Each structure stands twice: as C-alpha cells, then as structure tokens.
PDB file of N, CA and C in Angstrom:
ATOM      1  N   MET A   1      64.294 112.151 125.898  1.00  0.00           N
ATOM      2  CA  MET A   1      65.364 111.449 126.580  1.00  0.00           C
ATOM      3  C   MET A   1      66.572 111.375 125.639  1.00  0.00           C
ATOM      4  N   ASP A   2      67.734 111.484 126.200  1.00  0.00           N
ATOM      5  CA  ASP A   2      68.949 111.428 125.392  1.00  0.00           C
ATOM      6  C   ASP A   2      69.463 109.993 125.288  1.00  0.00           C
ATOM      7  N   MET A   3      70.418 109.768 124.383  1.00  0.00           N
ATOM      8  CA  MET A   3      70.946 108.426 124.144  1.00  0.00           C
ATOM      9  C   MET A   3      71.578 107.808 125.395  1.00  0.00           C
ATOM     10  N   PRO A   4      72.445 108.530 126.130  1.00  0.00           N
ATOM     11  CA  PRO A   4      73.010 107.925 127.339  1.00  0.00           C
ATOM     12  C   PRO A   4      71.938 107.521 128.351  1.00  0.00           C
ATOM     13  N   GLY A   5      70.910 108.338 128.490  1.00  0.00           N
ATOM     14  CA  GLY A   5      69.839 108.020 129.424  1.00  0.00           C
ATOM     15  C   GLY A   5      69.032 106.808 128.993  1.00  0.00           C
ATOM     16  N   ALA A   6      68.767 106.707 127.690  1.00  0.00           N
ATOM     17  CA  ALA A   6      68.009 105.565 127.179  1.00  0.00           C
ATOM     18  C   ALA A   6      68.783 104.271 127.364  1.00  0.00           C
ATOM     19  N   LEU A   7      70.075 104.289 127.079  1.00  0.00           N
ATOM     20  CA  LEU A   7      70.885 103.082 127.227  1.00  0.00           C
ATOM     21  C   LEU A   7      71.092 102.718 128.696  1.00  0.00           C
ATOM     22  N   ALA A   8      71.129 103.720 129.571  1.00  0.00           N
ATOM     23  CA  ALA A   8      71.309 103.456 130.998  1.00  0.00           C
ATOM     24  C   ALA A   8      70.149 102.635 131.556  1.00  0.00           C
ATOM     25  N   GLU A   9      68.950 102.803 130.982  1.00  0.00           N
ATOM     26  CA  GLU A   9      67.805 102.008 131.417  1.00  0.00           C
ATOM     27  C   GLU A   9      68.039 100.520 131.195  1.00  0.00           C
ATOM     28  N   TYR A  10      68.871 100.186 130.207  1.00  0.00           N
ATOM     29  CA  TYR A  10      69.173  98.787 129.893  1.00  0.00           C
ATOM     30  C   TYR A  10      70.516  98.348 130.468  1.00  0.00           C
ATOM     31  N   GLY A  11      71.119  99.186 131.299  1.00  0.00           N
ATOM     32  CA  GLY A  11      72.393  98.839 131.918  1.00  0.00           C
ATOM     33  C   GLY A  11      73.571  98.964 130.976  1.00  0.00           C
ATOM     34  N   LEU A  12      73.427  99.759 129.916  1.00  0.00           N
ATOM     35  CA  LEU A  12      74.497  99.942 128.937  1.00  0.00           C
ATOM     36  C   LEU A  12      75.068 101.348 129.044  1.00  0.00           C
ATOM     37  N   HIS A  13      76.289 101.525 128.573  1.00  0.00           N
ATOM     38  CA  HIS A  13      76.941 102.827 128.593  1.00  0.00           C
ATOM     39  C   HIS A  13      77.179 103.292 127.170  1.00  0.00           C
ATOM     40  N   TYR A  14      76.897 104.565 126.907  1.00  0.00           N
ATOM     41  CA  TYR A  14      77.112 105.164 125.595  1.00  0.00           C
ATOM     42  C   TYR A  14      78.422 105.933 125.645  1.00  0.00           C
ATOM     43  N   LEU A  15      79.381 105.517 124.839  1.00  0.00           N
ATOM     44  CA  LEU A  15      80.692 106.154 124.805  1.00  0.00           C
ATOM     45  C   LEU A  15      80.902 106.827 123.461  1.00  0.00           C
ATOM     46  N   ARG A  16      81.468 108.040 123.481  1.00  0.00           N
ATOM     47  CA  ARG A  16      81.800 108.766 122.258  1.00  0.00           C
ATOM     48  C   ARG A  16      83.220 109.272 122.375  1.00  0.00           C
ATOM     49  N   LYS A  17      83.919 109.285 121.236  1.00  0.00           N
ATOM     50  CA  LYS A  17      85.283 109.781 121.220  1.00  0.00           C
ATOM     51  C   LYS A  17      85.546 110.435 119.871  1.00  0.00           C
ATOM     52  N   LYS A  18      86.169 111.601 119.913  1.00  0.00           N
ATOM     53  CA  LYS A  18      86.501 112.304 118.685  1.00  0.00           C
ATOM     54  C   LYS A  18      87.733 111.653 118.059  1.00  0.00           C
ATOM     55  N   SER A  19      87.682 111.408 116.751  1.00  0.00           N
ATOM     56  CA  SER A  19      88.811 110.811 116.039  1.00  0.00           C
ATOM     57  C   SER A  19      89.030 111.564 114.731  1.00  0.00           C
ATOM     58  N   LYS A  20      90.015 111.147 113.975  1.00  0.00           N
ATOM     59  CA  LYS A  20      90.295 111.787 112.687  1.00  0.00           C
ATOM     60  C   LYS A  20      89.144 111.603 111.706  1.00  0.00           C
ATOM     61  N   GLN A  21      88.388 110.512 111.836  1.00  0.00           N
ATOM     62  CA  GLN A  21      87.267 110.233 110.941  1.00  0.00           C
ATOM     63  C   GLN A  21      85.970 110.901 111.396  1.00  0.00           C
ATOM     64  N   GLY A  22      85.964 111.510 112.546  1.00  0.00           N
ATOM     65  CA  GLY A  22      84.757 112.112 113.104  1.00  0.00           C
ATOM     66  C   GLY A  22      84.558 111.633 114.524  1.00  0.00           C
ATOM     67  N   ILE A  23      83.326 111.480 114.924  1.00  0.00           N
ATOM     68  CA  ILE A  23      83.027 110.991 116.267  1.00  0.00           C
ATOM     69  C   ILE A  23      82.700 109.504 116.185  1.00  0.00           C
ATOM     70  N   CYS A  24      83.386 108.717 116.978  1.00  0.00           N
ATOM     71  CA  CYS A  24      83.154 107.270 117.048  1.00  0.00           C
ATOM     72  C   CYS A  24      82.395 106.964 118.331  1.00  0.00           C
ATOM     73  N   SER A  25      81.549 105.951 118.274  1.00  0.00           N
ATOM     74  CA  SER A  25      80.821 105.541 119.473  1.00  0.00           C
ATOM     75  C   SER A  25      80.822 104.024 119.583  1.00  0.00           C
ATOM     76  N   ASN A  26      80.390 103.546 120.732  1.00  0.00           N
ATOM     77  CA  ASN A  26      80.314 102.110 120.946  1.00  0.00           C
ATOM     78  C   ASN A  26      78.942 101.555 120.572  1.00  0.00           C
ATOM     79  N   LEU A  27      78.083 102.355 119.948  1.00  0.00           N
ATOM     80  CA  LEU A  27      76.749 101.936 119.558  1.00  0.00           C
ATOM     81  C   LEU A  27      76.735 101.583 118.086  1.00  0.00           C
ATOM     82  N   SER A  28      76.233 100.411 117.759  1.00  0.00           N
ATOM     83  CA  SER A  28      76.081 100.025 116.357  1.00  0.00           C
ATOM     84  C   SER A  28      74.801  99.216 116.211  1.00  0.00           C
ATOM     85  N   LEU A  29      74.159  99.365 115.071  1.00  0.00           N
ATOM     86  CA  LEU A  29      72.956  98.604 114.771  1.00  0.00           C
ATOM     87  C   LEU A  29      73.274  97.611 113.669  1.00  0.00           C
ATOM     88  N   ASN A  30      72.726  96.431 113.767  1.00  0.00           N
ATOM     89  CA  ASN A  30      72.885  95.450 112.706  1.00  0.00           C
ATOM     90  C   ASN A  30      71.521  94.862 112.374  1.00  0.00           C
ATOM     91  N   ILE A  31      71.475  93.992 111.394  1.00  0.00           N
ATOM     92  CA  ILE A  31      70.210  93.431 110.936  1.00  0.00           C
ATOM     93  C   ILE A  31      69.462  92.729 112.068  1.00  0.00           C
ATOM     94  N   GLU A  32      70.182  92.091 112.976  1.00  0.00           N
ATOM     95  CA  GLU A  32      69.530  91.346 114.049  1.00  0.00           C
ATOM     96  C   GLU A  32      68.775  92.253 115.023  1.00  0.00           C
ATOM     97  N   ASN A  33      69.295  93.452 115.297  1.00  0.00           N
ATOM     98  CA  ASN A  33      68.633  94.299 116.297  1.00  0.00           C
ATOM     99  C   ASN A  33      68.020  95.570 115.729  1.00  0.00           C
ATOM    100  N   VAL A  34      68.060  95.754 114.423  1.00  0.00           N
ATOM    101  CA  VAL A  34      67.526  96.992 113.852  1.00  0.00           C
ATOM    102  C   VAL A  34      66.014  97.101 114.071  1.00  0.00           C
ATOM    103  N   ASN A  35      65.292  96.001 114.046  1.00  0.00           N
ATOM    104  CA  ASN A  35      63.837  96.065 114.238  1.00  0.00           C
ATOM    105  C   ASN A  35      63.457  96.491 115.647  1.00  0.00           C
ATOM    106  N   GLU A  36      64.296  96.240 116.629  1.00  0.00           N
ATOM    107  CA  GLU A  36      64.019  96.688 117.990  1.00  0.00           C
ATOM    108  C   GLU A  36      64.132  98.205 118.102  1.00  0.00           C
ATOM    109  N   TRP A  37      65.047  98.800 117.340  1.00  0.00           N
ATOM    110  CA  TRP A  37      65.324 100.228 117.458  1.00  0.00           C
ATOM    111  C   TRP A  37      64.538 101.060 116.455  1.00  0.00           C
ATOM    112  N   MET A  38      64.246 100.501 115.304  1.00  0.00           N
ATOM    113  CA  MET A  38      63.562 101.251 114.250  1.00  0.00           C
ATOM    114  C   MET A  38      62.273 100.524 113.895  1.00  0.00           C
ATOM    115  N   LEU A  39      61.275 100.663 114.718  1.00  0.00           N
ATOM    116  CA  LEU A  39      60.044  99.908 114.563  1.00  0.00           C
ATOM    117  C   LEU A  39      59.282 100.255 113.288  1.00  0.00           C
ATOM    118  N   ASN A  40      59.458 101.456 112.739  1.00  0.00           N
ATOM    119  CA  ASN A  40      58.733 101.860 111.540  1.00  0.00           C
ATOM    120  C   ASN A  40      59.375 101.337 110.262  1.00  0.00           C
ATOM    121  N   LEU A  41      60.524 100.722 110.361  1.00  0.00           N
ATOM    122  CA  LEU A  41      61.208 100.186 109.195  1.00  0.00           C
ATOM    123  C   LEU A  41      60.518  98.897 108.761  1.00  0.00           C
ATOM    124  N   THR A  42      60.169  98.812 107.472  1.00  0.00           N
ATOM    125  CA  THR A  42      59.500  97.611 106.980  1.00  0.00           C
ATOM    126  C   THR A  42      60.512  96.637 106.415  1.00  0.00           C
ATOM    127  N   ARG A  43      60.100  95.417 106.228  1.00  0.00           N
ATOM    128  CA  ARG A  43      60.990  94.365 105.718  1.00  0.00           C
ATOM    129  C   ARG A  43      61.520  94.730 104.332  1.00  0.00           C
ATOM    130  N   GLU A  44      60.720  95.399 103.498  1.00  0.00           N
ATOM    131  CA  GLU A  44      61.156  95.773 102.154  1.00  0.00           C
ATOM    132  C   GLU A  44      62.276  96.813 102.187  1.00  0.00           C
ATOM    133  N   ASP A  45      62.367  97.575 103.289  1.00  0.00           N
ATOM    134  CA  ASP A  45      63.378  98.620 103.408  1.00  0.00           C
ATOM    135  C   ASP A  45      64.733  98.089 103.851  1.00  0.00           C
ATOM    136  N   LEU A  46      64.788  96.840 104.335  1.00  0.00           N
ATOM    137  CA  LEU A  46      66.052  96.282 104.808  1.00  0.00           C
ATOM    138  C   LEU A  46      66.968  95.978 103.629  1.00  0.00           C
ATOM    139  N   PRO A  47      68.273  96.179 103.789  1.00  0.00           N
ATOM    140  CA  PRO A  47      69.211  95.888 102.699  1.00  0.00           C
ATOM    141  C   PRO A  47      69.287  94.386 102.436  1.00  0.00           C
ATOM    142  N   ASP A  48      69.687  94.040 101.208  1.00  0.00           N
ATOM    143  CA  ASP A  48      69.873  92.628 100.869  1.00  0.00           C
ATOM    144  C   ASP A  48      71.022  92.064 101.671  1.00  0.00           C
ATOM    145  N   GLU A  49      70.884  90.827 102.105  1.00  0.00           N
ATOM    146  CA  GLU A  49      71.932  90.202 102.922  1.00  0.00           C
ATOM    147  C   GLU A  49      72.980  89.561 102.060  1.00  0.00           C
TER     148      GLU A  49
END
C-alpha cells in the first residue's frame, strides 16, 4: 500500500510539493506519535528530549 492510500484509511490527505529544498510534505512524525508508526523502535533508540 502506498502512503496516500494508507493515510486515506484514516481520513487524512498526503500532500507533496517540490521546493528549492527538495520535496516537502504535510506528513511529520514527532515523539508523541512515532511509536504508532515505527513499532520496532525501542525506547533506547529515541532521541534525548
């Protein structure tokens, strides 16, 4: 399954746009939701807050 299809299941839209810095998107992961998306990541692997 592709990213737009996966996000559509949750009622979200995946947007991408080419910019001078590369490709920008509306998707970002932070410490609060990283465990939902990266289940194999252990607590020791998380960056210091």
